[in-house]
Amino acid sequence: MRHTEFWARMDRHLGPGYARVWADSFVIGALDHRTASEALAAGVSPKEVWRAVWEVRELPESER
């Protein structure tokens, strides 16, 4: 997964106006207690970050 696909999924599920805000502010334990944005900036793969977002947001299996 590329960063562009990650952000497209975030926009689809949270809306383009809220996705970045949520990614910058919501701390996820599975990402070593970092936000999605912090994890991406630290070099964590977008696929791994998406899995953590998917889990915490309890999204459908089809979106995994």
PDB file of N, CA and C in Angstrom:
ATOM      1  N   MET A   1       0.846  -1.171   0.000  1.00  0.00           N
ATOM      2  CA  MET A   1       0.000   0.000   0.000  1.00  0.00           C
ATOM      3  C   MET A   1       0.893   1.237   0.000  1.00  0.00           C
ATOM      4  N   ARG A   2       0.496   2.206  -0.793  1.00  0.00           N
ATOM      5  CA  ARG A   2       1.223   3.473  -0.849  1.00  0.00           C
ATOM      6  C   ARG A   2       0.541   4.501   0.049  1.00  0.00           C
ATOM      7  N   HIS A   3       1.239   5.553   0.319  1.00  0.00           N
ATOM      8  CA  HIS A   3       0.680   6.626   1.144  1.00  0.00           C
ATOM      9  C   HIS A   3      -0.604   7.180   0.525  1.00  0.00           C
ATOM     10  N   THR A   4      -0.627   7.297  -0.800  1.00  0.00           N
ATOM     11  CA  THR A   4      -1.819   7.845  -1.464  1.00  0.00           C
ATOM     12  C   THR A   4      -3.033   6.959  -1.242  1.00  0.00           C
ATOM     13  N   GLU A   5      -2.844   5.642  -1.281  1.00  0.00           N
ATOM     14  CA  GLU A   5      -3.959   4.731  -1.030  1.00  0.00           C
ATOM     15  C   GLU A   5      -4.396   4.808   0.433  1.00  0.00           C
ATOM     16  N   PHE A   6      -3.428   4.899   1.333  1.00  0.00           N
ATOM     17  CA  PHE A   6      -3.760   5.033   2.748  1.00  0.00           C
ATOM     18  C   PHE A   6      -4.653   6.252   2.969  1.00  0.00           C
ATOM     19  N   TRP A   7      -4.239   7.401   2.423  1.00  0.00           N
ATOM     20  CA  TRP A   7      -5.011   8.625   2.640  1.00  0.00           C
ATOM     21  C   TRP A   7      -6.355   8.588   1.927  1.00  0.00           C
ATOM     22  N   ALA A   8      -6.430   7.916   0.796  1.00  0.00           N
ATOM     23  CA  ALA A   8      -7.716   7.766   0.105  1.00  0.00           C
ATOM     24  C   ALA A   8      -8.678   6.954   0.964  1.00  0.00           C
ATOM     25  N   ARG A   9      -8.179   5.904   1.597  1.00  0.00           N
ATOM     26  CA  ARG A   9      -9.024   5.096   2.494  1.00  0.00           C
ATOM     27  C   ARG A   9      -9.455   5.909   3.709  1.00  0.00           C
ATOM     28  N   MET A  10      -8.527   6.663   4.264  1.00  0.00           N
ATOM     29  CA  MET A  10      -8.869   7.502   5.407  1.00  0.00           C
ATOM     30  C   MET A  10      -9.955   8.506   5.035  1.00  0.00           C
ATOM     31  N   ASP A  11      -9.805   9.140   3.880  1.00  0.00           N
ATOM     32  CA  ASP A  11     -10.807  10.105   3.420  1.00  0.00           C
ATOM     33  C   ASP A  11     -12.163   9.435   3.213  1.00  0.00           C
ATOM     34  N   ARG A  12     -12.156   8.234   2.668  1.00  0.00           N
ATOM     35  CA  ARG A  12     -13.401   7.512   2.412  1.00  0.00           C
ATOM     36  C   ARG A  12     -14.129   7.190   3.714  1.00  0.00           C
ATOM     37  N   HIS A  13     -13.400   6.833   4.748  1.00  0.00           N
ATOM     38  CA  HIS A  13     -14.031   6.397   5.997  1.00  0.00           C
ATOM     39  C   HIS A  13     -14.290   7.521   6.992  1.00  0.00           C
ATOM     40  N   LEU A  14     -13.476   8.547   6.946  1.00  0.00           N
ATOM     41  CA  LEU A  14     -13.632   9.630   7.921  1.00  0.00           C
ATOM     42  C   LEU A  14     -14.039  10.957   7.295  1.00  0.00           C
ATOM     43  N   GLY A  15     -13.972  11.021   5.987  1.00  0.00           N
ATOM     44  CA  GLY A  15     -14.265  12.273   5.291  1.00  0.00           C
ATOM     45  C   GLY A  15     -12.994  13.074   5.104  1.00  0.00           C
ATOM     46  N   PRO A  16     -12.894  13.754   3.969  1.00  0.00           N
ATOM     47  CA  PRO A  16     -11.658  14.478   3.679  1.00  0.00           C
ATOM     48  C   PRO A  16     -11.357  15.605   4.667  1.00  0.00           C
ATOM     49  N   GLY A  17     -12.360  16.145   5.289  1.00  0.00           N
ATOM     50  CA  GLY A  17     -12.121  17.225   6.244  1.00  0.00           C
ATOM     51  C   GLY A  17     -11.671  16.748   7.604  1.00  0.00           C
ATOM     52  N   TYR A  18     -11.947  15.495   7.937  1.00  0.00           N
ATOM     53  CA  TYR A  18     -11.656  14.998   9.281  1.00  0.00           C
ATOM     54  C   TYR A  18     -10.517  13.968   9.313  1.00  0.00           C
ATOM     55  N   ALA A  19     -10.225  13.336   8.188  1.00  0.00           N
ATOM     56  CA  ALA A  19      -9.233  12.253   8.169  1.00  0.00           C
ATOM     57  C   ALA A  19      -7.878  12.699   8.707  1.00  0.00           C
ATOM     58  N   ARG A  20      -7.387  13.830   8.261  1.00  0.00           N
ATOM     59  CA  ARG A  20      -6.065  14.304   8.705  1.00  0.00           C
ATOM     60  C   ARG A  20      -6.090  14.728  10.171  1.00  0.00           C
ATOM     61  N   VAL A  21      -7.188  15.338  10.579  1.00  0.00           N
ATOM     62  CA  VAL A  21      -7.317  15.741  11.986  1.00  0.00           C
ATOM     63  C   VAL A  21      -7.264  14.504  12.874  1.00  0.00           C
ATOM     64  N   TRP A  22      -8.033  13.483  12.511  1.00  0.00           N
ATOM     65  CA  TRP A  22      -8.067  12.246  13.289  1.00  0.00           C
ATOM     66  C   TRP A  22      -6.681  11.596  13.294  1.00  0.00           C
ATOM     67  N   ALA A  23      -6.045  11.522  12.130  1.00  0.00           N
ATOM     68  CA  ALA A  23      -4.728  10.888  12.021  1.00  0.00           C
ATOM     69  C   ALA A  23      -3.663  11.628  12.818  1.00  0.00           C
ATOM     70  N   ASP A  24      -3.848  12.928  12.994  1.00  0.00           N
ATOM     71  CA  ASP A  24      -2.894  13.733  13.756  1.00  0.00           C
ATOM     72  C   ASP A  24      -3.152  13.710  15.259  1.00  0.00           C
ATOM     73  N   SER A  25      -4.339  13.285  15.680  1.00  0.00           N
ATOM     74  CA  SER A  25      -4.682  13.432  17.098  1.00  0.00           C
ATOM     75  C   SER A  25      -5.022  12.142  17.834  1.00  0.00           C
ATOM     76  N   PHE A  26      -5.445  11.085  17.128  1.00  0.00           N
ATOM     77  CA  PHE A  26      -5.878   9.864  17.799  1.00  0.00           C
ATOM     78  C   PHE A  26      -4.692   8.927  17.999  1.00  0.00           C
ATOM     79  N   VAL A  27      -4.342   8.656  19.244  1.00  0.00           N
ATOM     80  CA  VAL A  27      -3.212   7.785  19.577  1.00  0.00           C
ATOM     81  C   VAL A  27      -3.667   6.333  19.535  1.00  0.00           C
ATOM     82  N   ILE A  28      -2.883   5.505  18.852  1.00  0.00           N
ATOM     83  CA  ILE A  28      -3.208   4.089  18.674  1.00  0.00           C
ATOM     84  C   ILE A  28      -2.150   3.249  19.385  1.00  0.00           C
ATOM     85  N   GLY A  29      -2.574   2.441  20.324  1.00  0.00           N
ATOM     86  CA  GLY A  29      -1.655   1.608  21.099  1.00  0.00           C
ATOM     87  C   GLY A  29      -0.820   0.684  20.236  1.00  0.00           C
ATOM     88  N   ALA A  30      -1.437   0.098  19.210  1.00  0.00           N
ATOM     89  CA  ALA A  30      -0.730  -0.840  18.334  1.00  0.00           C
ATOM     90  C   ALA A  30       0.380  -0.175  17.532  1.00  0.00           C
ATOM     91  N   LEU A  31       0.390   1.134  17.497  1.00  0.00           N
ATOM     92  CA  LEU A  31       1.446   1.874  16.796  1.00  0.00           C
ATOM     93  C   LEU A  31       2.429   2.472  17.804  1.00  0.00           C
ATOM     94  N   ASP A  32       2.660   1.753  18.879  1.00  0.00           N
ATOM     95  CA  ASP A  32       3.550   2.204  19.951  1.00  0.00           C
ATOM     96  C   ASP A  32       3.096   3.528  20.549  1.00  0.00           C
ATOM     97  N   HIS A  33       1.787   3.640  20.700  1.00  0.00           N
ATOM     98  CA  HIS A  33       1.168   4.825  21.296  1.00  0.00           C
ATOM     99  C   HIS A  33       1.510   6.101  20.533  1.00  0.00           C
ATOM    100  N   ARG A  34       1.449   5.970  19.214  1.00  0.00           N
ATOM    101  CA  ARG A  34       1.638   7.115  18.328  1.00  0.00           C
ATOM    102  C   ARG A  34       0.362   7.314  17.529  1.00  0.00           C
ATOM    103  N   THR A  35       0.235   8.481  16.935  1.00  0.00           N
ATOM    104  CA  THR A  35      -0.862   8.712  16.013  1.00  0.00           C
ATOM    105  C   THR A  35      -0.493   8.085  14.665  1.00  0.00           C
ATOM    106  N   ALA A  36      -1.477   7.958  13.791  1.00  0.00           N
ATOM    107  CA  ALA A  36      -1.203   7.430  12.452  1.00  0.00           C
ATOM    108  C   ALA A  36      -0.182   8.313  11.742  1.00  0.00           C
ATOM    109  N   SER A  37      -0.330   9.614  11.860  1.00  0.00           N
ATOM    110  CA  SER A  37       0.608  10.538  11.211  1.00  0.00           C
ATOM    111  C   SER A  37       2.021  10.384  11.766  1.00  0.00           C
ATOM    112  N   GLU A  38       2.141  10.250  13.077  1.00  0.00           N
ATOM    113  CA  GLU A  38       3.460  10.065  13.690  1.00  0.00           C
ATOM    114  C   GLU A  38       4.090   8.757  13.237  1.00  0.00           C
ATOM    115  N   ALA A  39       3.293   7.707  13.173  1.00  0.00           N
ATOM    116  CA  ALA A  39       3.812   6.406  12.741  1.00  0.00           C
ATOM    117  C   ALA A  39       4.306   6.472  11.297  1.00  0.00           C
ATOM    118  N   LEU A  40       3.524   7.097  10.429  1.00  0.00           N
ATOM    119  CA  LEU A  40       3.951   7.234   9.036  1.00  0.00           C
ATOM    120  C   LEU A  40       5.240   8.041   8.946  1.00  0.00           C
ATOM    121  N   ALA A  41       5.325   9.122   9.695  1.00  0.00           N
ATOM    122  CA  ALA A  41       6.526   9.962   9.682  1.00  0.00           C
ATOM    123  C   ALA A  41       7.745   9.214  10.214  1.00  0.00           C
ATOM    124  N   ALA A  42       7.516   8.255  11.105  1.00  0.00           N
ATOM    125  CA  ALA A  42       8.609   7.472  11.680  1.00  0.00           C
ATOM    126  C   ALA A  42       9.025   6.313  10.773  1.00  0.00           C
ATOM    127  N   GLY A  43       8.336   6.158   9.633  1.00  0.00           N
ATOM    128  CA  GLY A  43       8.729   5.122   8.684  1.00  0.00           C
ATOM    129  C   GLY A  43       7.927   3.837   8.752  1.00  0.00           C
ATOM    130  N   VAL A  44       6.896   3.800   9.576  1.00  0.00           N
ATOM    131  CA  VAL A  44       6.032   2.616   9.614  1.00  0.00           C
ATOM    132  C   VAL A  44       5.295   2.549   8.278  1.00  0.00           C
ATOM    133  N   SER A  45       5.173   1.365   7.726  1.00  0.00           N
ATOM    134  CA  SER A  45       4.548   1.238   6.406  1.00  0.00           C
ATOM    135  C   SER A  45       3.072   1.646   6.456  1.00  0.00           C
ATOM    136  N   PRO A  46       2.580   2.265   5.400  1.00  0.00           N
ATOM    137  CA  PRO A  46       1.166   2.627   5.355  1.00  0.00           C
ATOM    138  C   PRO A  46       0.244   1.423   5.558  1.00  0.00           C
ATOM    139  N   LYS A  47       0.664   0.256   5.084  1.00  0.00           N
ATOM    140  CA  LYS A  47      -0.146  -0.951   5.255  1.00  0.00           C
ATOM    141  C   LYS A  47      -0.296  -1.298   6.739  1.00  0.00           C
ATOM    142  N   GLU A  48       0.793  -1.221   7.479  1.00  0.00           N
ATOM    143  CA  GLU A  48       0.757  -1.511   8.913  1.00  0.00           C
ATOM    144  C   GLU A  48      -0.084  -0.471   9.661  1.00  0.00           C
ATOM    145  N   VAL A  49       0.067   0.784   9.282  1.00  0.00           N
ATOM    146  CA  VAL A  49      -0.722   1.842   9.917  1.00  0.00           C
ATOM    147  C   VAL A  49      -2.195   1.643   9.597  1.00  0.00           C
ATOM    148  N   TRP A  50      -2.501   1.283   8.336  1.00  0.00           N
ATOM    149  CA  TRP A  50      -3.905   1.057   7.969  1.00  0.00           C
ATOM    150  C   TRP A  50      -4.503  -0.083   8.789  1.00  0.00           C
ATOM    151  N   ARG A  51      -3.747  -1.155   8.980  1.00  0.00           N
ATOM    152  CA  ARG A  51      -4.254  -2.279   9.781  1.00  0.00           C
ATOM    153  C   ARG A  51      -4.619  -1.824  11.189  1.00  0.00           C
ATOM    154  N   ALA A  52      -3.795  -0.979  11.761  1.00  0.00           N
ATOM    155  CA  ALA A  52      -4.072  -0.472  13.107  1.00  0.00           C
ATOM    156  C   ALA A  52      -5.303   0.431  13.109  1.00  0.00           C
ATOM    157  N   VAL A  53      -5.408   1.287  12.100  1.00  0.00           N
ATOM    158  CA  VAL A  53      -6.594   2.149  11.980  1.00  0.00           C
ATOM    159  C   VAL A  53      -7.827   1.297  11.782  1.00  0.00           C
ATOM    160  N   TRP A  54      -7.730   0.328  10.884  1.00  0.00           N
ATOM    161  CA  TRP A  54      -8.847  -0.578  10.585  1.00  0.00           C
ATOM    162  C   TRP A  54      -9.351  -1.238  11.868  1.00  0.00           C
ATOM    163  N   GLU A  55      -8.423  -1.699  12.676  1.00  0.00           N
ATOM    164  CA  GLU A  55      -8.798  -2.400  13.904  1.00  0.00           C
ATOM    165  C   GLU A  55      -9.451  -1.462  14.915  1.00  0.00           C
ATOM    166  N   VAL A  56      -8.843  -0.322  15.156  1.00  0.00           N
ATOM    167  CA  VAL A  56      -9.358   0.590  16.180  1.00  0.00           C
ATOM    168  C   VAL A  56     -10.691   1.210  15.751  1.00  0.00           C
ATOM    169  N   ARG A  57     -10.885   1.397  14.449  1.00  0.00           N
ATOM    170  CA  ARG A  57     -12.139   1.961  13.954  1.00  0.00           C
ATOM    171  C   ARG A  57     -13.221   0.900  13.761  1.00  0.00           C
ATOM    172  N   GLU A  58     -12.828  -0.377  13.931  1.00  0.00           N
ATOM    173  CA  GLU A  58     -13.748  -1.506  13.771  1.00  0.00           C
ATOM    174  C   GLU A  58     -14.450  -1.466  12.416  1.00  0.00           C
ATOM    175  N   LEU A  59     -13.623  -1.334  11.377  1.00  0.00           N
ATOM    176  CA  LEU A  59     -14.136  -1.282  10.011  1.00  0.00           C
ATOM    177  C   LEU A  59     -14.446  -2.694   9.515  1.00  0.00           C
ATOM    178  N   PRO A  60     -15.270  -2.798   8.476  1.00  0.00           N
ATOM    179  CA  PRO A  60     -15.625  -4.123   7.946  1.00  0.00           C
ATOM    180  C   PRO A  60     -14.420  -4.890   7.432  1.00  0.00           C
ATOM    181  N   GLU A  61     -14.510  -6.193   7.483  1.00  0.00           N
ATOM    182  CA  GLU A  61     -13.439  -7.070   7.005  1.00  0.00           C
ATOM    183  C   GLU A  61     -13.071  -6.746   5.560  1.00  0.00           C
ATOM    184  N   SER A  62     -14.036  -6.366   4.771  1.00  0.00           N
ATOM    185  CA  SER A  62     -13.799  -6.056   3.358  1.00  0.00           C
ATOM    186  C   SER A  62     -12.853  -4.869   3.163  1.00  0.00           C
ATOM    187  N   GLU A  63     -12.659  -4.076   4.188  1.00  0.00           N
ATOM    188  CA  GLU A  63     -11.778  -2.911   4.102  1.00  0.00           C
ATOM    189  C   GLU A  63     -10.379  -3.177   4.626  1.00  0.00           C
ATOM    190  N   ARG A  64     -10.137  -4.381   5.036  1.00  0.00           N
ATOM    191  CA  ARG A  64      -8.840  -4.707   5.600  1.00  0.00           C
ATOM    192  C   ARG A  64      -7.792  -4.653   4.541  1.00  0.00           C
TER     193      ARG A  64
END
